[in-house]
């Protein structure tokens, strides 16, 4: 998993796009942790339900991160034009 803690200077205010990337990355990391927990919960009640839900949640979180990263690229390209 990728850590997002401490990756930016505390004195620098994050842009909206940077905040979105950070939030999306944290959600994806959380979904990865949940999927790993579902894999480990072999015999627990409800474990199969969690495992079955994991692929959709992971895809959604990964898609959200990809969208946020594209928005950040656009934001930085606009900033470079100035």
PDB file of N, CA and C in Angstrom:
ATOM      1  N   UNK A   1       0.838  -1.185   0.000  1.00  0.00           N
ATOM      2  CA  UNK A   1       0.000   0.000   0.000  1.00  0.00           C
ATOM      3  C   UNK A   1       0.881   1.245   0.000  1.00  0.00           C
ATOM      4  N   UNK A   2       0.330   2.294  -0.537  1.00  0.00           N
ATOM      5  CA  UNK A   2       1.044   3.550  -0.624  1.00  0.00           C
ATOM      6  C   UNK A   2       0.625   4.430   0.536  1.00  0.00           C
ATOM      7  N   UNK A   3       1.599   4.954   1.235  1.00  0.00           N
ATOM      8  CA  UNK A   3       1.299   5.849   2.339  1.00  0.00           C
ATOM      9  C   UNK A   3       1.113   7.259   1.809  1.00  0.00           C
ATOM     10  N   UNK A   4       0.080   7.929   2.279  1.00  0.00           N
ATOM     11  CA  UNK A   4      -0.146   9.313   1.868  1.00  0.00           C
ATOM     12  C   UNK A   4       0.147  10.278   3.004  1.00  0.00           C
ATOM     13  N   UNK A   5       0.583   9.775   4.137  1.00  0.00           N
ATOM     14  CA  UNK A   5       0.849  10.632   5.279  1.00  0.00           C
ATOM     15  C   UNK A   5       2.206  11.303   5.123  1.00  0.00           C
ATOM     16  N   UNK A   6       2.251  12.596   5.432  1.00  0.00           N
ATOM     17  CA  UNK A   6       3.505  13.310   5.432  1.00  0.00           C
ATOM     18  C   UNK A   6       4.088  13.533   4.055  1.00  0.00           C
ATOM     19  N   UNK A   7       3.269  13.411   3.013  1.00  0.00           N
ATOM     20  CA  UNK A   7       3.806  13.541   1.670  1.00  0.00           C
ATOM     21  C   UNK A   7       3.839  14.978   1.182  1.00  0.00           C
ATOM     22  N   UNK A   8       3.296  15.904   1.950  1.00  0.00           N
ATOM     23  CA  UNK A   8       3.366  17.295   1.542  1.00  0.00           C
ATOM     24  C   UNK A   8       3.835  18.143   2.711  1.00  0.00           C
ATOM     25  N   UNK A   9       4.366  19.276   2.364  1.00  0.00           N
ATOM     26  CA  UNK A   9       4.857  20.197   3.374  1.00  0.00           C
ATOM     27  C   UNK A   9       3.693  20.752   4.179  1.00  0.00           C
ATOM     28  N   UNK A  10       3.810  20.785   5.519  1.00  0.00           N
ATOM     29  CA  UNK A  10       2.705  21.290   6.326  1.00  0.00           C
ATOM     30  C   UNK A  10       2.412  22.761   6.078  1.00  0.00           C
ATOM     31  N   UNK A  11       3.401  23.537   5.592  1.00  0.00           N
ATOM     32  CA  UNK A  11       3.195  24.962   5.379  1.00  0.00           C
ATOM     33  C   UNK A  11       2.520  25.249   4.040  1.00  0.00           C
ATOM     34  N   UNK A  12       2.469  24.262   3.154  1.00  0.00           N
ATOM     35  CA  UNK A  12       1.863  24.453   1.837  1.00  0.00           C
ATOM     36  C   UNK A  12       0.408  23.995   1.852  1.00  0.00           C
ATOM     37  N   UNK A  13      -0.487  24.879   1.447  1.00  0.00           N
ATOM     38  CA  UNK A  13      -1.900  24.553   1.352  1.00  0.00           C
ATOM     39  C   UNK A  13      -2.116  23.704   0.101  1.00  0.00           C
ATOM     40  N   UNK A  14      -2.818  22.573   0.254  1.00  0.00           N
ATOM     41  CA  UNK A  14      -3.098  21.720  -0.891  1.00  0.00           C
ATOM     42  C   UNK A  14      -4.203  22.329  -1.739  1.00  0.00           C
ATOM     43  N   UNK A  15      -4.078  22.166  -3.044  1.00  0.00           N
ATOM     44  CA  UNK A  15      -5.145  22.604  -3.935  1.00  0.00           C
ATOM     45  C   UNK A  15      -6.310  21.625  -3.822  1.00  0.00           C
ATOM     46  N   UNK A  16      -7.430  22.000  -4.411  1.00  0.00           N
ATOM     47  CA  UNK A  16      -8.594  21.121  -4.397  1.00  0.00           C
ATOM     48  C   UNK A  16      -8.270  19.800  -5.080  1.00  0.00           C
ATOM     49  N   UNK A  17      -7.576  19.860  -6.208  1.00  0.00           N
ATOM     50  CA  UNK A  17      -7.233  18.633  -6.937  1.00  0.00           C
ATOM     51  C   UNK A  17      -6.275  17.765  -6.121  1.00  0.00           C
ATOM     52  N   UNK A  18      -5.314  18.374  -5.451  1.00  0.00           N
ATOM     53  CA  UNK A  18      -4.395  17.605  -4.613  1.00  0.00           C
ATOM     54  C   UNK A  18      -5.134  16.950  -3.448  1.00  0.00           C
ATOM     55  N   UNK A  19      -6.077  17.674  -2.868  1.00  0.00           N
ATOM     56  CA  UNK A  19      -6.888  17.109  -1.786  1.00  0.00           C
ATOM     57  C   UNK A  19      -7.719  15.933  -2.283  1.00  0.00           C
ATOM     58  N   UNK A  20      -8.274  16.061  -3.485  1.00  0.00           N
ATOM     59  CA  UNK A  20      -9.056  14.972  -4.070  1.00  0.00           C
ATOM     60  C   UNK A  20      -8.196  13.739  -4.307  1.00  0.00           C
ATOM     61  N   UNK A  21      -6.974  13.930  -4.795  1.00  0.00           N
ATOM     62  CA  UNK A  21      -6.065  12.800  -5.016  1.00  0.00           C
ATOM     63  C   UNK A  21      -5.748  12.125  -3.695  1.00  0.00           C
ATOM     64  N   UNK A  22      -5.431  12.917  -2.696  1.00  0.00           N
ATOM     65  CA  UNK A  22      -5.109  12.352  -1.380  1.00  0.00           C
ATOM     66  C   UNK A  22      -6.293  11.563  -0.826  1.00  0.00           C
ATOM     67  N   UNK A  23      -7.480  12.129  -0.908  1.00  0.00           N
ATOM     68  CA  UNK A  23      -8.672  11.467  -0.396  1.00  0.00           C
ATOM     69  C   UNK A  23      -8.960  10.172  -1.159  1.00  0.00           C
ATOM     70  N   UNK A  24      -8.857  10.223  -2.477  1.00  0.00           N
ATOM     71  CA  UNK A  24      -9.107   9.034  -3.290  1.00  0.00           C
ATOM     72  C   UNK A  24      -8.075   7.946  -3.006  1.00  0.00           C
ATOM     73  N   UNK A  25      -6.822   8.336  -2.824  1.00  0.00           N
ATOM     74  CA  UNK A  25      -5.770   7.356  -2.512  1.00  0.00           C
ATOM     75  C   UNK A  25      -6.015   6.715  -1.150  1.00  0.00           C
ATOM     76  N   UNK A  26      -6.450   7.507  -0.196  1.00  0.00           N
ATOM     77  CA  UNK A  26      -6.758   6.958   1.123  1.00  0.00           C
ATOM     78  C   UNK A  26      -7.936   5.994   1.062  1.00  0.00           C
ATOM     79  N   UNK A  27      -8.952   6.322   0.260  1.00  0.00           N
ATOM     80  CA  UNK A  27     -10.096   5.413   0.103  1.00  0.00           C
ATOM     81  C   UNK A  27      -9.660   4.105  -0.548  1.00  0.00           C
ATOM     82  N   UNK A  28      -8.802   4.202  -1.565  1.00  0.00           N
ATOM     83  CA  UNK A  28      -8.313   2.987  -2.223  1.00  0.00           C
ATOM     84  C   UNK A  28      -7.508   2.142  -1.251  1.00  0.00           C
ATOM     85  N   UNK A  29      -6.637   2.772  -0.475  1.00  0.00           N
ATOM     86  CA  UNK A  29      -5.875   2.027   0.535  1.00  0.00           C
ATOM     87  C   UNK A  29      -6.802   1.334   1.527  1.00  0.00           C
ATOM     88  N   UNK A  30      -7.860   2.013   1.914  1.00  0.00           N
ATOM     89  CA  UNK A  30      -8.827   1.432   2.847  1.00  0.00           C
ATOM     90  C   UNK A  30      -9.525   0.229   2.217  1.00  0.00           C
ATOM     91  N   UNK A  31      -9.897   0.350   0.954  1.00  0.00           N
ATOM     92  CA  UNK A  31     -10.550  -0.762   0.261  1.00  0.00           C
ATOM     93  C   UNK A  31      -9.601  -1.949   0.104  1.00  0.00           C
ATOM     94  N   UNK A  32      -8.328  -1.670  -0.136  1.00  0.00           N
ATOM     95  CA  UNK A  32      -7.333  -2.751  -0.221  1.00  0.00           C
ATOM     96  C   UNK A  32      -7.228  -3.468   1.122  1.00  0.00           C
ATOM     97  N   UNK A  33      -7.161  -2.703   2.199  1.00  0.00           N
ATOM     98  CA  UNK A  33      -7.084  -3.309   3.532  1.00  0.00           C
ATOM     99  C   UNK A  33      -8.328  -4.142   3.818  1.00  0.00           C
ATOM    100  N   UNK A  34      -9.495  -3.628   3.433  1.00  0.00           N
ATOM    101  CA  UNK A  34     -10.742  -4.377   3.643  1.00  0.00           C
ATOM    102  C   UNK A  34     -10.743  -5.673   2.836  1.00  0.00           C
ATOM    103  N   UNK A  35     -10.245  -5.610   1.596  1.00  0.00           N
ATOM    104  CA  UNK A  35     -10.193  -6.815   0.755  1.00  0.00           C
ATOM    105  C   UNK A  35      -9.252  -7.853   1.364  1.00  0.00           C
ATOM    106  N   UNK A  36      -8.116  -7.409   1.853  1.00  0.00           N
ATOM    107  CA  UNK A  36      -7.174  -8.332   2.488  1.00  0.00           C
ATOM    108  C   UNK A  36      -7.781  -8.956   3.738  1.00  0.00           C
ATOM    109  N   UNK A  37      -8.528  -8.168   4.493  1.00  0.00           N
ATOM    110  CA  UNK A  37      -9.198  -8.700   5.686  1.00  0.00           C
ATOM    111  C   UNK A  37     -10.256  -9.725   5.283  1.00  0.00           C
ATOM    112  N   UNK A  38     -10.965  -9.475   4.192  1.00  0.00           N
ATOM    113  CA  UNK A  38     -11.980 -10.419   3.723  1.00  0.00           C
ATOM    114  C   UNK A  38     -11.335 -11.724   3.276  1.00  0.00           C
ATOM    115  N   UNK A  39     -10.161 -11.639   2.663  1.00  0.00           N
ATOM    116  CA  UNK A  39      -9.439 -12.850   2.256  1.00  0.00           C
ATOM    117  C   UNK A  39      -9.025 -13.643   3.492  1.00  0.00           C
ATOM    118  N   UNK A  40      -8.580 -12.949   4.519  1.00  0.00           N
ATOM    119  CA  UNK A  40      -8.123 -13.616   5.740  1.00  0.00           C
ATOM    120  C   UNK A  40      -9.285 -14.225   6.527  1.00  0.00           C
ATOM    121  N   UNK A  41     -10.485 -13.699   6.360  1.00  0.00           N
ATOM    122  CA  UNK A  41     -11.650 -14.171   7.112  1.00  0.00           C
ATOM    123  C   UNK A  41     -12.291 -15.346   6.378  1.00  0.00           C
ATOM    124  N   UNK A  42     -11.586 -16.430   6.288  1.00  0.00           N
ATOM    125  CA  UNK A  42     -12.024 -17.581   5.500  1.00  0.00           C
ATOM    126  C   UNK A  42     -13.313 -18.204   6.015  1.00  0.00           C
ATOM    127  N   UNK A  43     -13.433 -18.366   7.296  1.00  0.00           N
ATOM    128  CA  UNK A  43     -14.569 -19.101   7.848  1.00  0.00           C
ATOM    129  C   UNK A  43     -15.555 -18.234   8.604  1.00  0.00           C
ATOM    130  N   UNK A  44     -15.315 -16.934   8.652  1.00  0.00           N
ATOM    131  CA  UNK A  44     -16.211 -16.090   9.451  1.00  0.00           C
ATOM    132  C   UNK A  44     -17.537 -15.862   8.727  1.00  0.00           C
ATOM    133  N   UNK A  45     -18.621 -15.743   9.491  1.00  0.00           N
ATOM    134  CA  UNK A  45     -19.918 -15.456   8.871  1.00  0.00           C
ATOM    135  C   UNK A  45     -19.859 -14.089   8.171  1.00  0.00           C
ATOM    136  N   UNK A  46     -20.386 -14.033   6.992  1.00  0.00           N
ATOM    137  CA  UNK A  46     -20.366 -12.777   6.242  1.00  0.00           C
ATOM    138  C   UNK A  46     -19.077 -12.540   5.494  1.00  0.00           C
ATOM    139  N   UNK A  47     -18.096 -13.395   5.707  1.00  0.00           N
ATOM    140  CA  UNK A  47     -16.807 -13.224   5.035  1.00  0.00           C
ATOM    141  C   UNK A  47     -16.916 -13.322   3.525  1.00  0.00           C
ATOM    142  N   UNK A  48     -17.766 -14.227   3.053  1.00  0.00           N
ATOM    143  CA  UNK A  48     -17.954 -14.391   1.612  1.00  0.00           C
ATOM    144  C   UNK A  48     -18.631 -13.153   1.021  1.00  0.00           C
ATOM    145  N   UNK A  49     -19.592 -12.588   1.739  1.00  0.00           N
ATOM    146  CA  UNK A  49     -20.261 -11.377   1.261  1.00  0.00           C
ATOM    147  C   UNK A  49     -19.267 -10.231   1.092  1.00  0.00           C
ATOM    148  N   UNK A  50     -18.397 -10.072   2.074  1.00  0.00           N
ATOM    149  CA  UNK A  50     -17.369  -9.021   1.999  1.00  0.00           C
ATOM    150  C   UNK A  50     -16.425  -9.274   0.834  1.00  0.00           C
ATOM    151  N   UNK A  51     -16.033 -10.514   0.658  1.00  0.00           N
ATOM    152  CA  UNK A  51     -15.128 -10.876  -0.435  1.00  0.00           C
ATOM    153  C   UNK A  51     -15.783 -10.605  -1.786  1.00  0.00           C
ATOM    154  N   UNK A  52     -17.065 -10.937  -1.913  1.00  0.00           N
ATOM    155  CA  UNK A  52     -17.780 -10.705  -3.167  1.00  0.00           C
ATOM    156  C   UNK A  52     -17.935  -9.217  -3.478  1.00  0.00           C
ATOM    157  N   UNK A  53     -18.045  -8.393  -2.465  1.00  0.00           N
ATOM    158  CA  UNK A  53     -18.203  -6.947  -2.667  1.00  0.00           C
ATOM    159  C   UNK A  53     -16.874  -6.262  -2.965  1.00  0.00           C
ATOM    160  N   UNK A  54     -15.781  -6.884  -2.607  1.00  0.00           N
ATOM    161  CA  UNK A  54     -14.464  -6.259  -2.738  1.00  0.00           C
ATOM    162  C   UNK A  54     -14.096  -5.835  -4.165  1.00  0.00           C
ATOM    163  N   UNK A  55     -14.289  -6.665  -5.184  1.00  0.00           N
ATOM    164  CA  UNK A  55     -13.873  -6.240  -6.525  1.00  0.00           C
ATOM    165  C   UNK A  55     -14.552  -4.951  -6.993  1.00  0.00           C
ATOM    166  N   UNK A  56     -15.864  -4.850  -6.766  1.00  0.00           N
ATOM    167  CA  UNK A  56     -16.576  -3.634  -7.187  1.00  0.00           C
ATOM    168  C   UNK A  56     -16.082  -2.413  -6.428  1.00  0.00           C
ATOM    169  N   UNK A  57     -15.860  -2.577  -5.138  1.00  0.00           N
ATOM    170  CA  UNK A  57     -15.379  -1.451  -4.331  1.00  0.00           C
ATOM    171  C   UNK A  57     -13.979  -1.027  -4.756  1.00  0.00           C
ATOM    172  N   UNK A  58     -13.127  -2.013  -5.021  1.00  0.00           N
ATOM    173  CA  UNK A  58     -11.764  -1.700  -5.466  1.00  0.00           C
ATOM    174  C   UNK A  58     -11.773  -0.999  -6.821  1.00  0.00           C
ATOM    175  N   UNK A  59     -12.582  -1.488  -7.746  1.00  0.00           N
ATOM    176  CA  UNK A  59     -12.672  -0.850  -9.065  1.00  0.00           C
ATOM    177  C   UNK A  59     -13.151   0.589  -8.953  1.00  0.00           C
ATOM    178  N   UNK A  60     -14.167   0.808  -8.136  1.00  0.00           N
ATOM    179  CA  UNK A  60     -14.714   2.148  -7.957  1.00  0.00           C
ATOM    180  C   UNK A  60     -13.673   3.080  -7.337  1.00  0.00           C
ATOM    181  N   UNK A  61     -12.975   2.608  -6.310  1.00  0.00           N
ATOM    182  CA  UNK A  61     -11.968   3.435  -5.649  1.00  0.00           C
ATOM    183  C   UNK A  61     -10.793   3.723  -6.587  1.00  0.00           C
ATOM    184  N   UNK A  62     -10.385   2.731  -7.367  1.00  0.00           N
ATOM    185  CA  UNK A  62      -9.280   2.936  -8.320  1.00  0.00           C
ATOM    186  C   UNK A  62      -9.700   3.920  -9.417  1.00  0.00           C
ATOM    187  N   UNK A  63     -10.929   3.811  -9.872  1.00  0.00           N
ATOM    188  CA  UNK A  63     -11.441   4.728 -10.896  1.00  0.00           C
ATOM    189  C   UNK A  63     -11.496   6.156 -10.345  1.00  0.00           C
ATOM    190  N   UNK A  64     -11.935   6.302  -9.098  1.00  0.00           N
ATOM    191  CA  UNK A  64     -11.980   7.626  -8.466  1.00  0.00           C
ATOM    192  C   UNK A  64     -10.584   8.233  -8.377  1.00  0.00           C
ATOM    193  N   UNK A  65      -9.598   7.406  -8.031  1.00  0.00           N
ATOM    194  CA  UNK A  65      -8.223   7.900  -7.948  1.00  0.00           C
ATOM    195  C   UNK A  65      -7.718   8.313  -9.329  1.00  0.00           C
ATOM    196  N   UNK A  66      -8.008   7.524 -10.348  1.00  0.00           N
ATOM    197  CA  UNK A  66      -7.574   7.866 -11.701  1.00  0.00           C
ATOM    198  C   UNK A  66      -8.188   9.198 -12.150  1.00  0.00           C
ATOM    199  N   UNK A  67      -9.462   9.398 -11.870  1.00  0.00           N
ATOM    200  CA  UNK A  67     -10.125  10.655 -12.229  1.00  0.00           C
ATOM    201  C   UNK A  67      -9.483  11.822 -11.490  1.00  0.00           C
ATOM    202  N   UNK A  68      -9.236  11.644 -10.205  1.00  0.00           N
ATOM    203  CA  UNK A  68      -8.624  12.707  -9.406  1.00  0.00           C
ATOM    204  C   UNK A  68      -7.227  13.045  -9.922  1.00  0.00           C
ATOM    205  N   UNK A  69      -6.467  12.036 -10.305  1.00  0.00           N
ATOM    206  CA  UNK A  69      -5.123  12.282 -10.839  1.00  0.00           C
ATOM    207  C   UNK A  69      -5.190  13.040 -12.160  1.00  0.00           C
ATOM    208  N   UNK A  70      -6.145  12.685 -13.012  1.00  0.00           N
ATOM    209  CA  UNK A  70      -6.302  13.411 -14.285  1.00  0.00           C
ATOM    210  C   UNK A  70      -6.657  14.876 -14.034  1.00  0.00           C
ATOM    211  N   UNK A  71      -7.519  15.114 -13.061  1.00  0.00           N
ATOM    212  CA  UNK A  71      -7.877  16.492 -12.719  1.00  0.00           C
ATOM    213  C   UNK A  71      -6.666  17.263 -12.200  1.00  0.00           C
ATOM    214  N   UNK A  72      -5.820  16.588 -11.433  1.00  0.00           N
ATOM    215  CA  UNK A  72      -4.612  17.231 -10.929  1.00  0.00           C
ATOM    216  C   UNK A  72      -3.676  17.584 -12.083  1.00  0.00           C
ATOM    217  N   UNK A  73      -3.538  16.689 -13.040  1.00  0.00           N
ATOM    218  CA  UNK A  73      -2.701  16.973 -14.216  1.00  0.00           C
ATOM    219  C   UNK A  73      -3.232  18.211 -14.942  1.00  0.00           C
ATOM    220  N   UNK A  74      -4.547  18.259 -15.149  1.00  0.00           N
ATOM    221  CA  UNK A  74      -5.145  19.419 -15.818  1.00  0.00           C
ATOM    222  C   UNK A  74      -4.905  20.701 -15.032  1.00  0.00           C
ATOM    223  N   UNK A  75      -5.056  20.614 -13.711  1.00  0.00           N
ATOM    224  CA  UNK A  75      -4.836  21.782 -12.867  1.00  0.00           C
ATOM    225  C   UNK A  75      -3.396  22.282 -13.006  1.00  0.00           C
ATOM    226  N   UNK A  76      -2.461  21.369 -12.980  1.00  0.00           N
ATOM    227  CA  UNK A  76      -1.052  21.766 -13.066  1.00  0.00           C
ATOM    228  C   UNK A  76      -0.685  22.263 -14.462  1.00  0.00           C
ATOM    229  N   UNK A  77      -1.303  21.695 -15.491  1.00  0.00           N
ATOM    230  CA  UNK A  77      -1.059  22.186 -16.845  1.00  0.00           C
ATOM    231  C   UNK A  77      -1.567  23.626 -16.986  1.00  0.00           C
ATOM    232  N   UNK A  78      -2.727  23.900 -16.413  1.00  0.00           N
ATOM    233  CA  UNK A  78      -3.270  25.256 -16.448  1.00  0.00           C
ATOM    234  C   UNK A  78      -2.357  26.225 -15.686  1.00  0.00           C
ATOM    235  N   UNK A  79      -1.853  25.772 -14.569  1.00  0.00           N
ATOM    236  CA  UNK A  79      -0.976  26.602 -13.750  1.00  0.00           C
ATOM    237  C   UNK A  79       0.326  26.895 -14.502  1.00  0.00           C
ATOM    238  N   UNK A  80       0.840  25.895 -15.238  1.00  0.00           N
ATOM    239  CA  UNK A  80       2.074  26.085 -15.996  1.00  0.00           C
ATOM    240  C   UNK A  80       1.886  27.074 -17.141  1.00  0.00           C
ATOM    241  N   UNK A  81       0.671  27.208 -17.651  1.00  0.00           N
ATOM    242  CA  UNK A  81       0.401  28.133 -18.748  1.00  0.00           C
ATOM    243  C   UNK A  81       0.476  29.585 -18.299  1.00  0.00           C
ATOM    244  N   UNK A  82       0.266  29.806 -17.021  1.00  0.00           N
ATOM    245  CA  UNK A  82       0.243  31.195 -16.497  1.00  0.00           C
ATOM    246  C   UNK A  82       1.608  31.796 -16.411  1.00  0.00           C
TER     247      UNK A  82
END
